[in-house]
Amino acid sequence: MNYAAALEAVKADARYQRNLDWGKPRAGHPEGTVRAHIAEIEPNLDRLAPKLSPLEIDKLRLLIHTHDSFKAEAEAGVPITHPASHASLARSFLAEFCDDADLLAMVQYHDEPFALWRQVSSKGTYNQERLQALFEAIEDWNLFLAFNIIDGCTTGKGRQPLRWFFHEIAGVNHPRLCDLRWTDQDIITD
């Protein structure tokens, strides 16, 4: 799979271009548009690059440009797995250019760690089955965690959800969580 070529095809697609200027400043996204969000998080990839392979960088660029690219067409308030969620729409779009099942799962579940944190912050607990399902859905946890750092370290987002998630998975005994190279120490704070 040529991820750089897939990214160029995504960027050239009229649907992607149409959706870039959707959005206005709001909680979590004071930058407003999808285009501005991409511009804000691309430097985060550059900061993590010394710990990434060129292939991982290409995959992460593809995630950066597709994960929120269908918010303009999404139905508000639906679950992450609903066909009309921004994540499901982005996954369907990406599937036209990329056959990497793990990247497709990452686009689908990129907001799941934050959703689990919201459950904890509002109820004091979270749905353990959702976390287990996430462990099964994502194969490359180093790539997934790198993307969560990239996407979660912006001006409008607090770092507590990321810190909570890293601490929550730190003690989990799961074969996909072996040899993680990312910890809460990698969270970008400035």
N, C-alpha and C. Protein backbone atom coordinates (compact mmCIF):
# COMPACT_ATOMS: atom_id res chain seq x y z
N MET A 1 0.85 -1.19 0.00
CA MET A 1 0.00 0.00 0.00
C MET A 1 0.89 1.24 0.00
N ASN A 2 0.63 2.13 -0.93
CA ASN A 2 1.37 3.39 -1.01
C ASN A 2 0.52 4.46 -0.31
N TYR A 3 0.83 4.73 0.96
CA TYR A 3 0.04 5.65 1.77
C TYR A 3 0.20 7.10 1.30
N ALA A 4 1.38 7.45 0.83
CA ALA A 4 1.59 8.82 0.33
C ALA A 4 0.74 9.06 -0.92
N ALA A 5 0.65 8.08 -1.80
CA ALA A 5 -0.19 8.22 -3.00
C ALA A 5 -1.67 8.27 -2.61
N ALA A 6 -2.05 7.47 -1.62
CA ALA A 6 -3.43 7.51 -1.14
C ALA A 6 -3.77 8.89 -0.60
N LEU A 7 -2.84 9.50 0.13
CA LEU A 7 -3.08 10.84 0.66
C LEU A 7 -3.26 11.85 -0.47
N GLU A 8 -2.46 11.76 -1.49
CA GLU A 8 -2.60 12.69 -2.62
C GLU A 8 -3.96 12.53 -3.30
N ALA A 9 -4.42 11.29 -3.41
CA ALA A 9 -5.73 11.03 -4.00
C ALA A 9 -6.84 11.59 -3.11
N VAL A 10 -6.70 11.42 -1.80
CA VAL A 10 -7.68 11.98 -0.85
C VAL A 10 -7.73 13.49 -1.01
N LYS A 11 -6.57 14.14 -1.02
CA LYS A 11 -6.52 15.60 -1.10
C LYS A 11 -7.12 16.13 -2.40
N ALA A 12 -7.05 15.34 -3.45
CA ALA A 12 -7.57 15.76 -4.75
C ALA A 12 -9.08 15.52 -4.88
N ASP A 13 -9.65 14.75 -3.98
CA ASP A 13 -11.06 14.39 -4.07
C ASP A 13 -11.95 15.60 -3.78
N ALA A 14 -12.97 15.80 -4.60
CA ALA A 14 -13.87 16.95 -4.44
C ALA A 14 -14.62 16.92 -3.12
N ARG A 15 -14.97 15.75 -2.61
CA ARG A 15 -15.69 15.66 -1.32
C ARG A 15 -14.79 16.14 -0.18
N TYR A 16 -13.55 15.73 -0.20
CA TYR A 16 -12.59 16.17 0.81
C TYR A 16 -12.43 17.69 0.74
N GLN A 17 -12.20 18.21 -0.46
CA GLN A 17 -12.02 19.65 -0.66
C GLN A 17 -13.25 20.43 -0.18
N ARG A 18 -14.43 19.91 -0.46
CA ARG A 18 -15.68 20.57 -0.08
C ARG A 18 -15.82 20.67 1.44
N ASN A 19 -15.36 19.66 2.15
CA ASN A 19 -15.55 19.60 3.60
C ASN A 19 -14.48 20.32 4.42
N LEU A 20 -13.39 20.72 3.80
CA LEU A 20 -12.28 21.33 4.54
C LEU A 20 -12.66 22.61 5.27
N ASP A 21 -13.55 23.39 4.71
CA ASP A 21 -13.87 24.67 5.32
C ASP A 21 -15.12 24.64 6.20
N TRP A 22 -15.56 23.41 6.52
CA TRP A 22 -16.69 23.28 7.45
C TRP A 22 -16.20 23.51 8.87
N GLY A 23 -17.05 24.14 9.66
CA GLY A 23 -16.79 24.31 11.08
C GLY A 23 -16.57 25.75 11.46
N LYS A 24 -16.92 26.03 12.70
CA LYS A 24 -16.65 27.33 13.29
C LYS A 24 -16.13 27.08 14.69
N PRO A 25 -15.52 28.06 15.30
CA PRO A 25 -14.98 27.85 16.65
C PRO A 25 -16.03 27.28 17.61
N ARG A 26 -15.61 26.25 18.37
CA ARG A 26 -16.50 25.56 19.31
C ARG A 26 -15.64 24.88 20.36
N ALA A 27 -16.28 24.35 21.38
CA ALA A 27 -15.55 23.66 22.45
C ALA A 27 -14.70 22.55 21.85
N GLY A 28 -13.44 22.51 22.25
CA GLY A 28 -12.52 21.51 21.76
C GLY A 28 -11.88 21.85 20.42
N HIS A 29 -12.51 22.74 19.68
CA HIS A 29 -12.00 23.13 18.36
C HIS A 29 -12.11 24.64 18.16
N PRO A 30 -11.40 25.43 18.96
CA PRO A 30 -11.47 26.88 18.77
C PRO A 30 -10.88 27.33 17.44
N GLU A 31 -10.12 26.43 16.79
CA GLU A 31 -9.57 26.76 15.48
C GLU A 31 -10.64 26.80 14.40
N GLY A 32 -11.79 26.16 14.67
CA GLY A 32 -12.94 26.25 13.77
C GLY A 32 -13.00 25.18 12.70
N THR A 33 -12.43 25.44 11.56
CA THR A 33 -12.62 24.57 10.40
C THR A 33 -11.78 23.29 10.46
N VAL A 34 -12.18 22.34 9.66
CA VAL A 34 -11.40 21.11 9.51
C VAL A 34 -10.01 21.46 8.97
N ARG A 35 -9.96 22.37 8.00
CA ARG A 35 -8.67 22.79 7.44
C ARG A 35 -7.76 23.35 8.54
N ALA A 36 -8.31 24.18 9.41
CA ALA A 36 -7.52 24.77 10.49
C ALA A 36 -7.09 23.71 11.50
N HIS A 37 -7.94 22.72 11.75
CA HIS A 37 -7.58 21.63 12.66
C HIS A 37 -6.41 20.83 12.08
N ILE A 38 -6.47 20.52 10.81
CA ILE A 38 -5.37 19.80 10.17
C ILE A 38 -4.08 20.61 10.28
N ALA A 39 -4.17 21.90 10.01
CA ALA A 39 -2.98 22.76 10.10
C ALA A 39 -2.43 22.81 11.51
N GLU A 40 -3.31 22.71 12.51
CA GLU A 40 -2.84 22.75 13.90
C GLU A 40 -2.18 21.45 14.33
N ILE A 41 -2.66 20.32 13.82
CA ILE A 41 -2.10 19.05 14.29
C ILE A 41 -0.94 18.52 13.45
N GLU A 42 -0.77 18.99 12.24
CA GLU A 42 0.37 18.53 11.43
C GLU A 42 1.72 18.78 12.12
N PRO A 43 1.93 19.92 12.79
CA PRO A 43 3.20 20.10 13.50
C PRO A 43 3.40 19.09 14.65
N ASN A 44 2.31 18.57 15.20
CA ASN A 44 2.45 17.54 16.23
C ASN A 44 3.09 16.28 15.66
N LEU A 45 2.75 15.95 14.42
CA LEU A 45 3.39 14.81 13.77
C LEU A 45 4.88 15.07 13.63
N ASP A 46 5.25 16.27 13.25
CA ASP A 46 6.66 16.61 13.12
C ASP A 46 7.39 16.44 14.46
N ARG A 47 6.72 16.77 15.55
CA ARG A 47 7.35 16.64 16.87
C ARG A 47 7.56 15.18 17.26
N LEU A 48 6.66 14.31 16.82
CA LEU A 48 6.79 12.88 17.14
C LEU A 48 7.67 12.13 16.14
N ALA A 49 7.97 12.74 15.01
CA ALA A 49 8.67 12.07 13.91
C ALA A 49 9.96 11.35 14.30
N PRO A 50 10.77 11.86 15.24
CA PRO A 50 12.00 11.14 15.57
C PRO A 50 11.76 9.72 16.11
N LYS A 51 10.58 9.46 16.62
CA LYS A 51 10.27 8.12 17.14
C LYS A 51 9.42 7.30 16.17
N LEU A 52 9.30 7.77 14.93
CA LEU A 52 8.45 7.12 13.93
C LEU A 52 9.26 6.71 12.70
N SER A 53 8.82 5.66 12.06
CA SER A 53 9.42 5.25 10.78
C SER A 53 8.78 6.08 9.66
N PRO A 54 9.42 6.14 8.49
CA PRO A 54 8.79 6.84 7.36
C PRO A 54 7.42 6.27 7.01
N LEU A 55 7.25 4.97 7.09
CA LEU A 55 5.96 4.36 6.81
C LEU A 55 4.91 4.81 7.83
N GLU A 56 5.27 4.86 9.09
CA GLU A 56 4.34 5.33 10.12
C GLU A 56 3.96 6.78 9.88
N ILE A 57 4.91 7.60 9.47
CA ILE A 57 4.64 9.00 9.18
C ILE A 57 3.62 9.12 8.04
N ASP A 58 3.80 8.33 7.00
CA ASP A 58 2.84 8.36 5.89
C ASP A 58 1.45 7.93 6.34
N LYS A 59 1.37 6.90 7.17
CA LYS A 59 0.08 6.44 7.67
C LYS A 59 -0.58 7.51 8.53
N LEU A 60 0.20 8.15 9.39
CA LEU A 60 -0.34 9.18 10.27
C LEU A 60 -0.81 10.40 9.48
N ARG A 61 -0.10 10.77 8.43
CA ARG A 61 -0.55 11.89 7.59
C ARG A 61 -1.91 11.57 6.97
N LEU A 62 -2.09 10.34 6.55
CA LEU A 62 -3.37 9.92 5.98
C LEU A 62 -4.47 10.01 7.04
N LEU A 63 -4.18 9.59 8.26
CA LEU A 63 -5.15 9.70 9.36
C LEU A 63 -5.47 11.17 9.66
N ILE A 64 -4.45 12.00 9.71
CA ILE A 64 -4.64 13.43 10.00
C ILE A 64 -5.63 14.05 9.01
N HIS A 65 -5.47 13.71 7.75
CA HIS A 65 -6.29 14.34 6.72
C HIS A 65 -7.67 13.73 6.55
N THR A 66 -7.91 12.56 7.11
CA THR A 66 -9.22 11.93 6.90
C THR A 66 -10.08 11.84 8.16
N HIS A 67 -9.52 11.83 9.35
CA HIS A 67 -10.28 11.49 10.55
C HIS A 67 -11.49 12.40 10.79
N ASP A 68 -11.38 13.68 10.53
CA ASP A 68 -12.49 14.60 10.76
C ASP A 68 -13.07 15.17 9.46
N SER A 69 -12.68 14.61 8.34
CA SER A 69 -13.01 15.21 7.05
C SER A 69 -14.49 15.12 6.65
N PHE A 70 -15.29 14.37 7.41
CA PHE A 70 -16.70 14.28 7.06
C PHE A 70 -17.62 14.78 8.17
N LYS A 71 -17.10 15.64 9.03
CA LYS A 71 -17.95 16.24 10.06
C LYS A 71 -19.08 17.06 9.44
N ALA A 72 -18.83 17.65 8.29
CA ALA A 72 -19.85 18.47 7.63
C ALA A 72 -21.07 17.65 7.24
N GLU A 73 -20.89 16.38 6.97
CA GLU A 73 -21.97 15.53 6.49
C GLU A 73 -22.53 14.60 7.57
N ALA A 74 -21.98 14.67 8.77
CA ALA A 74 -22.35 13.74 9.84
C ALA A 74 -23.65 14.14 10.53
N GLU A 75 -24.28 13.15 11.09
CA GLU A 75 -25.46 13.39 11.92
C GLU A 75 -24.97 13.64 13.34
N ALA A 76 -25.41 14.72 13.93
CA ALA A 76 -24.95 15.09 15.27
C ALA A 76 -25.51 14.14 16.32
N GLY A 77 -24.69 13.86 17.33
CA GLY A 77 -25.15 13.13 18.51
C GLY A 77 -25.29 11.62 18.36
N VAL A 78 -24.85 11.06 17.22
CA VAL A 78 -24.97 9.61 17.05
C VAL A 78 -23.70 8.92 17.58
N PRO A 79 -23.82 7.65 17.96
CA PRO A 79 -22.63 6.92 18.44
C PRO A 79 -21.55 6.81 17.36
N ILE A 80 -20.33 6.59 17.81
CA ILE A 80 -19.17 6.48 16.94
C ILE A 80 -19.38 5.45 15.83
N THR A 81 -20.07 4.36 16.15
CA THR A 81 -20.25 3.28 15.18
C THR A 81 -21.47 3.47 14.28
N HIS A 82 -22.28 4.47 14.53
CA HIS A 82 -23.46 4.73 13.69
C HIS A 82 -23.00 5.06 12.27
N PRO A 83 -23.67 4.56 11.26
CA PRO A 83 -23.24 4.82 9.87
C PRO A 83 -23.17 6.30 9.50
N ALA A 84 -23.92 7.15 10.20
CA ALA A 84 -23.91 8.58 9.88
C ALA A 84 -22.98 9.39 10.78
N SER A 85 -22.19 8.72 11.63
CA SER A 85 -21.23 9.45 12.47
C SER A 85 -20.09 9.96 11.59
N HIS A 86 -19.41 11.01 12.06
CA HIS A 86 -18.29 11.53 11.26
C HIS A 86 -17.21 10.47 11.10
N ALA A 87 -17.04 9.62 12.12
CA ALA A 87 -16.02 8.57 12.05
C ALA A 87 -16.38 7.52 11.01
N SER A 88 -17.63 7.10 10.99
CA SER A 88 -18.06 6.09 10.00
C SER A 88 -17.99 6.64 8.58
N LEU A 89 -18.39 7.89 8.41
CA LEU A 89 -18.33 8.50 7.08
C LEU A 89 -16.87 8.64 6.62
N ALA A 90 -16.00 9.03 7.54
CA ALA A 90 -14.58 9.16 7.20
C ALA A 90 -13.98 7.79 6.87
N ARG A 91 -14.37 6.77 7.62
CA ARG A 91 -13.88 5.42 7.34
C ARG A 91 -14.31 4.96 5.95
N SER A 92 -15.57 5.17 5.62
CA SER A 92 -16.07 4.77 4.29
C SER A 92 -15.32 5.51 3.18
N PHE A 93 -15.08 6.78 3.39
CA PHE A 93 -14.33 7.58 2.42
C PHE A 93 -12.91 7.04 2.28
N LEU A 94 -12.22 6.85 3.39
CA LEU A 94 -10.84 6.37 3.35
C LEU A 94 -10.76 5.00 2.69
N ALA A 95 -11.75 4.16 2.89
CA ALA A 95 -11.76 2.81 2.31
C ALA A 95 -11.71 2.85 0.78
N GLU A 96 -12.10 3.95 0.19
CA GLU A 96 -12.03 4.08 -1.27
C GLU A 96 -10.58 4.22 -1.76
N PHE A 97 -9.68 4.62 -0.85
CA PHE A 97 -8.30 4.89 -1.22
C PHE A 97 -7.29 3.98 -0.53
N CYS A 98 -7.75 3.28 0.49
CA CYS A 98 -6.84 2.54 1.37
C CYS A 98 -7.51 1.24 1.81
N ASP A 99 -6.78 0.13 1.65
CA ASP A 99 -7.33 -1.16 2.08
C ASP A 99 -6.71 -1.67 3.38
N ASP A 100 -6.07 -0.79 4.11
CA ASP A 100 -5.45 -1.15 5.38
C ASP A 100 -6.53 -1.19 6.47
N ALA A 101 -6.94 -2.39 6.86
CA ALA A 101 -8.03 -2.56 7.82
C ALA A 101 -7.74 -1.89 9.15
N ASP A 102 -6.48 -1.88 9.57
CA ASP A 102 -6.14 -1.26 10.84
C ASP A 102 -6.28 0.25 10.78
N LEU A 103 -5.84 0.87 9.68
CA LEU A 103 -6.03 2.33 9.55
C LEU A 103 -7.50 2.68 9.50
N LEU A 104 -8.29 1.86 8.82
CA LEU A 104 -9.73 2.11 8.77
C LEU A 104 -10.33 2.03 10.17
N ALA A 105 -9.88 1.07 10.97
CA ALA A 105 -10.36 0.96 12.36
C ALA A 105 -9.93 2.18 13.17
N MET A 106 -8.73 2.68 12.94
CA MET A 106 -8.26 3.86 13.67
C MET A 106 -9.11 5.08 13.36
N VAL A 107 -9.47 5.25 12.10
CA VAL A 107 -10.35 6.37 11.75
C VAL A 107 -11.70 6.19 12.44
N GLN A 108 -12.21 4.97 12.42
CA GLN A 108 -13.50 4.69 13.04
C GLN A 108 -13.49 4.98 14.53
N TYR A 109 -12.43 4.59 15.22
CA TYR A 109 -12.40 4.65 16.69
C TYR A 109 -11.48 5.72 17.26
N HIS A 110 -11.08 6.69 16.45
CA HIS A 110 -10.13 7.69 16.93
C HIS A 110 -10.64 8.48 18.13
N ASP A 111 -11.95 8.64 18.27
CA ASP A 111 -12.51 9.39 19.40
C ASP A 111 -12.92 8.51 20.57
N GLU A 112 -12.74 7.21 20.46
CA GLU A 112 -13.19 6.30 21.52
C GLU A 112 -12.48 6.54 22.86
N PRO A 113 -11.16 6.76 22.89
CA PRO A 113 -10.53 7.06 24.19
C PRO A 113 -11.16 8.28 24.87
N PHE A 114 -11.44 9.32 24.12
CA PHE A 114 -12.07 10.51 24.69
C PHE A 114 -13.48 10.19 25.17
N ALA A 115 -14.22 9.39 24.41
CA ALA A 115 -15.58 9.01 24.81
C ALA A 115 -15.56 8.23 26.13
N LEU A 116 -14.58 7.37 26.30
CA LEU A 116 -14.46 6.61 27.56
C LEU A 116 -14.13 7.56 28.70
N TRP A 117 -13.24 8.51 28.46
CA TRP A 117 -12.90 9.49 29.49
C TRP A 117 -14.12 10.32 29.88
N ARG A 118 -14.94 10.68 28.91
CA ARG A 118 -16.16 11.44 29.22
C ARG A 118 -17.09 10.65 30.12
N GLN A 119 -17.17 9.34 29.91
CA GLN A 119 -17.98 8.50 30.79
C GLN A 119 -17.42 8.56 32.21
N VAL A 120 -16.11 8.43 32.34
CA VAL A 120 -15.48 8.47 33.66
C VAL A 120 -15.70 9.83 34.33
N SER A 121 -15.53 10.89 33.56
CA SER A 121 -15.65 12.22 34.16
C SER A 121 -17.09 12.55 34.56
N SER A 122 -18.07 11.96 33.89
CA SER A 122 -19.46 12.27 34.24
C SER A 122 -20.09 11.24 35.19
N LYS A 123 -19.65 9.97 35.11
CA LYS A 123 -20.28 8.92 35.90
C LYS A 123 -19.36 8.27 36.92
N GLY A 124 -18.06 8.55 36.81
CA GLY A 124 -17.10 7.93 37.71
C GLY A 124 -16.65 6.55 37.26
N THR A 125 -17.20 6.06 36.17
CA THR A 125 -16.84 4.76 35.62
C THR A 125 -17.07 4.78 34.11
N TYR A 126 -16.62 3.74 33.44
CA TYR A 126 -16.83 3.66 32.00
C TYR A 126 -17.17 2.23 31.61
N ASN A 127 -17.65 2.07 30.40
CA ASN A 127 -18.05 0.78 29.87
C ASN A 127 -16.80 -0.03 29.52
N GLN A 128 -16.48 -1.01 30.35
CA GLN A 128 -15.29 -1.85 30.15
C GLN A 128 -15.35 -2.63 28.84
N GLU A 129 -16.55 -2.99 28.42
CA GLU A 129 -16.70 -3.74 27.16
C GLU A 129 -16.27 -2.89 25.97
N ARG A 130 -16.51 -1.59 26.05
CA ARG A 130 -16.06 -0.70 24.96
C ARG A 130 -14.54 -0.67 24.88
N LEU A 131 -13.88 -0.64 26.03
CA LEU A 131 -12.42 -0.65 26.02
C LEU A 131 -11.91 -1.98 25.47
N GLN A 132 -12.51 -3.08 25.88
CA GLN A 132 -12.10 -4.40 25.36
C GLN A 132 -12.31 -4.46 23.85
N ALA A 133 -13.42 -3.92 23.38
CA ALA A 133 -13.69 -3.90 21.94
C ALA A 133 -12.63 -3.07 21.21
N LEU A 134 -12.18 -1.99 21.83
CA LEU A 134 -11.13 -1.16 21.23
C LEU A 134 -9.83 -1.95 21.13
N PHE A 135 -9.50 -2.71 22.18
CA PHE A 135 -8.29 -3.55 22.13
C PHE A 135 -8.34 -4.52 20.95
N GLU A 136 -9.51 -5.03 20.67
CA GLU A 136 -9.65 -5.99 19.57
C GLU A 136 -9.70 -5.31 18.21
N ALA A 137 -10.23 -4.11 18.15
CA ALA A 137 -10.38 -3.41 16.87
C ALA A 137 -9.06 -2.88 16.33
N ILE A 138 -8.19 -2.43 17.22
CA ILE A 138 -6.93 -1.79 16.80
C ILE A 138 -5.79 -2.79 16.95
N GLU A 139 -5.02 -2.96 15.90
CA GLU A 139 -3.87 -3.87 15.95
C GLU A 139 -2.59 -3.13 16.36
N ASP A 140 -2.28 -2.03 15.68
CA ASP A 140 -1.03 -1.31 15.92
C ASP A 140 -1.27 -0.20 16.93
N TRP A 141 -1.06 -0.54 18.19
CA TRP A 141 -1.33 0.42 19.25
C TRP A 141 -0.29 1.54 19.31
N ASN A 142 0.90 1.30 18.83
CA ASN A 142 1.86 2.39 18.77
C ASN A 142 1.39 3.47 17.81
N LEU A 143 0.87 3.07 16.66
CA LEU A 143 0.36 4.04 15.71
C LEU A 143 -0.89 4.74 16.24
N PHE A 144 -1.79 3.97 16.84
CA PHE A 144 -3.02 4.53 17.38
C PHE A 144 -2.74 5.54 18.50
N LEU A 145 -1.82 5.22 19.39
CA LEU A 145 -1.48 6.14 20.47
C LEU A 145 -0.77 7.38 19.93
N ALA A 146 0.08 7.20 18.94
CA ALA A 146 0.73 8.36 18.32
C ALA A 146 -0.33 9.29 17.73
N PHE A 147 -1.32 8.70 17.05
CA PHE A 147 -2.37 9.54 16.47
C PHE A 147 -3.17 10.25 17.56
N ASN A 148 -3.46 9.56 18.65
CA ASN A 148 -4.20 10.21 19.74
C ASN A 148 -3.42 11.37 20.33
N ILE A 149 -2.11 11.24 20.41
CA ILE A 149 -1.28 12.37 20.87
C ILE A 149 -1.36 13.51 19.86
N ILE A 150 -1.20 13.19 18.59
CA ILE A 150 -1.24 14.21 17.54
C ILE A 150 -2.56 14.96 17.56
N ASP A 151 -3.66 14.22 17.61
CA ASP A 151 -4.99 14.82 17.53
C ASP A 151 -5.44 15.45 18.85
N GLY A 152 -4.93 14.94 19.96
CA GLY A 152 -5.40 15.40 21.27
C GLY A 152 -4.59 16.52 21.90
N CYS A 153 -3.52 16.92 21.26
CA CYS A 153 -2.67 17.97 21.83
C CYS A 153 -2.80 19.25 21.00
N THR A 154 -3.95 19.89 21.18
CA THR A 154 -4.21 21.14 20.49
C THR A 154 -4.57 22.22 21.51
N THR A 155 -4.64 23.43 21.04
CA THR A 155 -4.97 24.56 21.91
C THR A 155 -6.30 24.36 22.63
N GLY A 156 -7.27 23.80 21.94
CA GLY A 156 -8.61 23.68 22.51
C GLY A 156 -8.88 22.43 23.32
N LYS A 157 -7.90 21.53 23.41
CA LYS A 157 -8.14 20.27 24.11
C LYS A 157 -7.23 20.16 25.32
N GLY A 158 -7.85 19.83 26.45
CA GLY A 158 -7.07 19.57 27.64
C GLY A 158 -6.34 18.24 27.51
N ARG A 159 -5.31 18.06 28.28
CA ARG A 159 -4.51 16.84 28.20
C ARG A 159 -5.00 15.74 29.16
N GLN A 160 -5.92 16.08 30.06
CA GLN A 160 -6.39 15.10 31.03
C GLN A 160 -6.97 13.84 30.39
N PRO A 161 -7.78 13.93 29.33
CA PRO A 161 -8.29 12.70 28.71
C PRO A 161 -7.17 11.78 28.23
N LEU A 162 -6.13 12.35 27.62
CA LEU A 162 -5.01 11.54 27.17
C LEU A 162 -4.26 10.92 28.35
N ARG A 163 -4.00 11.72 29.37
CA ARG A 163 -3.29 11.19 30.55
C ARG A 163 -4.08 10.04 31.17
N TRP A 164 -5.40 10.25 31.31
CA TRP A 164 -6.25 9.19 31.88
C TRP A 164 -6.14 7.92 31.04
N PHE A 165 -6.23 8.06 29.71
CA PHE A 165 -6.21 6.89 28.85
C PHE A 165 -4.88 6.15 28.95
N PHE A 166 -3.78 6.87 28.93
CA PHE A 166 -2.48 6.23 29.06
C PHE A 166 -2.36 5.49 30.40
N HIS A 167 -2.84 6.09 31.46
CA HIS A 167 -2.78 5.43 32.77
C HIS A 167 -3.71 4.22 32.80
N GLU A 168 -4.84 4.33 32.16
CA GLU A 168 -5.81 3.24 32.15
C GLU A 168 -5.28 2.01 31.42
N ILE A 169 -4.56 2.19 30.33
CA ILE A 169 -4.06 1.05 29.58
C ILE A 169 -2.69 0.56 30.07
N ALA A 170 -2.04 1.36 30.92
CA ALA A 170 -0.68 1.02 31.36
C ALA A 170 -0.61 -0.34 32.04
N GLY A 171 -1.60 -0.70 32.82
CA GLY A 171 -1.54 -1.96 33.54
C GLY A 171 -2.28 -3.10 32.88
N VAL A 172 -2.76 -2.88 31.66
CA VAL A 172 -3.56 -3.91 30.99
C VAL A 172 -2.64 -4.96 30.37
N ASN A 173 -2.97 -6.20 30.62
CA ASN A 173 -2.23 -7.32 30.04
C ASN A 173 -2.97 -7.77 28.78
N HIS A 174 -2.53 -7.28 27.66
CA HIS A 174 -3.14 -7.63 26.37
C HIS A 174 -2.00 -7.74 25.35
N PRO A 175 -2.02 -8.77 24.51
CA PRO A 175 -0.91 -8.95 23.56
C PRO A 175 -0.68 -7.76 22.63
N ARG A 176 -1.71 -7.00 22.34
CA ARG A 176 -1.53 -5.84 21.45
C ARG A 176 -0.93 -4.64 22.17
N LEU A 177 -0.83 -4.71 23.48
CA LEU A 177 -0.29 -3.59 24.25
C LEU A 177 1.14 -3.84 24.70
N CYS A 178 1.75 -4.89 24.19
CA CYS A 178 3.15 -5.17 24.51
C CYS A 178 4.05 -4.22 23.72
N ASP A 179 5.15 -3.87 24.31
CA ASP A 179 6.16 -3.05 23.64
C ASP A 179 5.66 -1.70 23.14
N LEU A 180 4.85 -1.05 23.95
CA LEU A 180 4.40 0.30 23.58
C LEU A 180 5.55 1.28 23.73
N ARG A 181 5.73 2.13 22.73
CA ARG A 181 6.80 3.12 22.82
C ARG A 181 6.29 4.48 23.27
N TRP A 182 4.98 4.63 23.41
CA TRP A 182 4.38 5.90 23.80
C TRP A 182 3.83 5.80 25.22
N THR A 183 4.07 6.84 26.00
CA THR A 183 3.53 6.93 27.36
C THR A 183 2.98 8.34 27.55
N ASP A 184 2.46 8.58 28.74
CA ASP A 184 1.95 9.93 29.03
C ASP A 184 3.08 10.97 29.00
N GLN A 185 4.32 10.51 29.06
CA GLN A 185 5.45 11.45 28.98
C GLN A 185 5.61 12.04 27.57
N ASP A 186 4.98 11.40 26.59
CA ASP A 186 5.05 11.88 25.21
C ASP A 186 3.97 12.87 24.85
N ILE A 187 3.04 13.10 25.77
CA ILE A 187 1.96 14.06 25.53
C ILE A 187 2.58 15.46 25.35
N ILE A 188 2.18 16.13 24.30
CA ILE A 188 2.71 17.45 23.98
C ILE A 188 2.00 18.47 24.85
N THR A 189 2.76 19.23 25.62
CA THR A 189 2.14 20.15 26.58
C THR A 189 2.28 21.61 26.20
N ASP A 190 3.06 21.93 25.20
CA ASP A 190 3.19 23.36 24.83
C ASP A 190 2.84 23.59 23.40
